[in-house]
Amino acid sequence: MMPSLKVTMDEQMDPADSERLVAETCKRANEAARKLAQLGPQVRSRALEAMALGLREETRDILAANARDVSESEAAGKPVPFLDRLRLDPARIQGMAQAIEEVARQPDPV
């Protein structure tokens, strides 16, 4: 079973720390993807279902972190189209979870 990675960000995180956190998260995601690719389709489907469930269960925390990200981006003067793509709401998160479940239902996901 793969360990979960729950990331919480301090509102005052130094940009260099943020970059290191993103780099480490990406590295771990790539490692997990390689491992996942070696597993059978049923295991991949269960992993995707767990991801969808995680999105739903963590919606409140995701939205809180997203609100901070949007606020910081607005303060930094990011363009409106960027802010629109960044901004999440419960419906967007639900849509992400549903899309992941659609992939999980494929005969051989991922």
Protein backbone atom coordinates (compact mmCIF):
# COMPACT_ATOMS: atom_id res chain seq x y z
CA MET A 1 0.00 0.00 0.00
CA MET A 2 1.34 3.42 -0.96
CA PRO A 3 1.75 6.01 1.79
CA SER A 4 -0.50 9.02 1.51
CA LEU A 5 0.91 12.49 1.29
CA LYS A 6 -1.13 15.16 2.97
CA VAL A 7 0.41 18.53 2.42
CA THR A 8 -0.45 21.52 4.52
CA MET A 9 0.97 24.87 3.62
CA ASP A 10 1.80 27.64 6.03
CA GLU A 11 0.28 30.90 4.85
CA GLN A 12 3.69 32.57 5.23
CA MET A 13 5.74 29.85 3.50
CA ASP A 14 8.92 31.10 1.89
CA PRO A 15 8.78 30.81 -1.93
CA ALA A 16 11.94 28.67 -1.95
CA ASP A 17 10.29 26.27 0.50
CA SER A 18 7.20 26.19 -1.71
CA GLU A 19 9.34 25.30 -4.72
CA ARG A 20 11.07 22.51 -2.79
CA LEU A 21 7.70 21.19 -1.60
CA VAL A 22 6.33 21.15 -5.15
CA ALA A 23 9.49 19.49 -6.47
CA GLU A 24 9.36 16.81 -3.78
CA THR A 25 5.65 16.22 -4.38
CA CYS A 26 6.25 15.86 -8.12
CA LYS A 27 9.13 13.46 -7.51
CA ARG A 28 6.96 11.31 -5.24
CA ALA A 29 4.11 11.40 -7.78
CA ASN A 30 6.46 10.20 -10.54
CA GLU A 31 7.74 7.40 -8.34
CA ALA A 32 4.19 6.37 -7.47
CA ALA A 33 3.17 6.47 -11.15
CA ARG A 34 6.00 4.10 -12.07
CA LYS A 35 4.98 1.68 -9.31
CA LEU A 36 1.30 1.97 -10.24
CA ALA A 37 2.05 1.20 -13.89
CA GLN A 38 3.56 -2.15 -12.84
CA LEU A 39 0.42 -3.22 -10.99
CA GLY A 40 -2.62 -4.91 -12.47
CA PRO A 41 -5.67 -3.04 -13.74
CA GLN A 42 -7.77 -3.92 -10.68
CA VAL A 43 -5.20 -2.38 -8.36
CA ARG A 44 -4.99 0.72 -10.55
CA SER A 45 -8.78 1.03 -10.51
CA ARG A 46 -8.84 0.79 -6.71
CA ALA A 47 -6.09 3.41 -6.47
CA LEU A 48 -8.07 5.78 -8.68
CA GLU A 49 -11.23 5.17 -6.66
CA ALA A 50 -9.27 5.98 -3.50
CA MET A 51 -8.08 9.22 -5.10
CA ALA A 52 -11.65 10.21 -5.93
CA LEU A 53 -12.76 9.40 -2.40
CA GLY A 54 -9.85 11.41 -1.00
CA LEU A 55 -10.92 14.44 -3.01
CA ARG A 56 -14.42 14.19 -1.63
CA GLU A 57 -13.32 13.57 1.96
CA GLU A 58 -10.79 16.41 1.93
CA THR A 59 -12.93 18.96 0.07
CA ARG A 60 -13.05 21.35 3.02
CA ASP A 61 -9.26 21.36 3.45
CA ILE A 62 -8.70 21.60 -0.31
CA LEU A 63 -11.03 24.59 -0.53
CA ALA A 64 -9.37 26.32 2.42
CA ALA A 65 -5.90 25.89 0.89
CA ASN A 66 -7.23 26.99 -2.48
CA ALA A 67 -8.75 30.14 -0.98
CA ARG A 68 -5.31 31.05 0.39
CA ASP A 69 -3.71 30.37 -2.99
CA VAL A 70 -6.29 32.51 -4.78
CA SER A 71 -5.90 35.34 -2.27
CA GLU A 72 -2.11 35.31 -2.63
CA SER A 73 -2.40 35.19 -6.41
CA GLU A 74 -4.84 38.11 -6.43
CA ALA A 75 -2.47 40.10 -4.20
CA ALA A 76 0.37 39.27 -6.60
CA GLY A 77 -1.65 40.73 -9.48
CA LYS A 78 -2.19 37.51 -11.42
CA PRO A 79 -4.52 37.89 -14.43
CA VAL A 80 -8.22 37.10 -14.11
CA PRO A 81 -8.11 34.04 -16.44
CA PHE A 82 -5.34 32.56 -14.28
CA LEU A 83 -7.39 33.18 -11.13
CA ASP A 84 -10.44 31.55 -12.72
CA ARG A 85 -8.46 28.41 -13.54
CA LEU A 86 -6.96 28.38 -10.04
CA ARG A 87 -10.23 28.91 -8.14
CA LEU A 88 -11.95 25.75 -6.94
CA ASP A 89 -15.44 25.22 -5.60
CA PRO A 90 -17.26 22.09 -4.44
CA ALA A 91 -18.66 21.47 -7.93
CA ARG A 92 -15.20 21.55 -9.53
CA ILE A 93 -13.84 19.15 -6.95
CA GLN A 94 -16.84 16.86 -7.46
CA GLY A 95 -16.19 17.01 -11.22
CA MET A 96 -12.56 16.00 -10.67
CA ALA A 97 -13.65 13.05 -8.52
CA GLN A 98 -16.20 11.96 -11.13
CA ALA A 99 -13.63 12.18 -13.93
CA ILE A 100 -11.22 10.02 -11.94
CA GLU A 101 -13.99 7.47 -11.32
CA GLU A 102 -14.72 7.38 -15.06
CA VAL A 103 -11.10 6.49 -15.70
CA ALA A 104 -11.23 3.88 -12.93
CA ARG A 105 -14.16 2.17 -14.68
CA GLN A 106 -12.13 1.63 -17.86
CA PRO A 107 -11.04 -1.96 -18.53
CA ASP A 108 -7.38 -1.06 -18.04
CA PRO A 109 -7.08 2.40 -16.51
CA VAL A 110 -3.90 4.36 -16.83
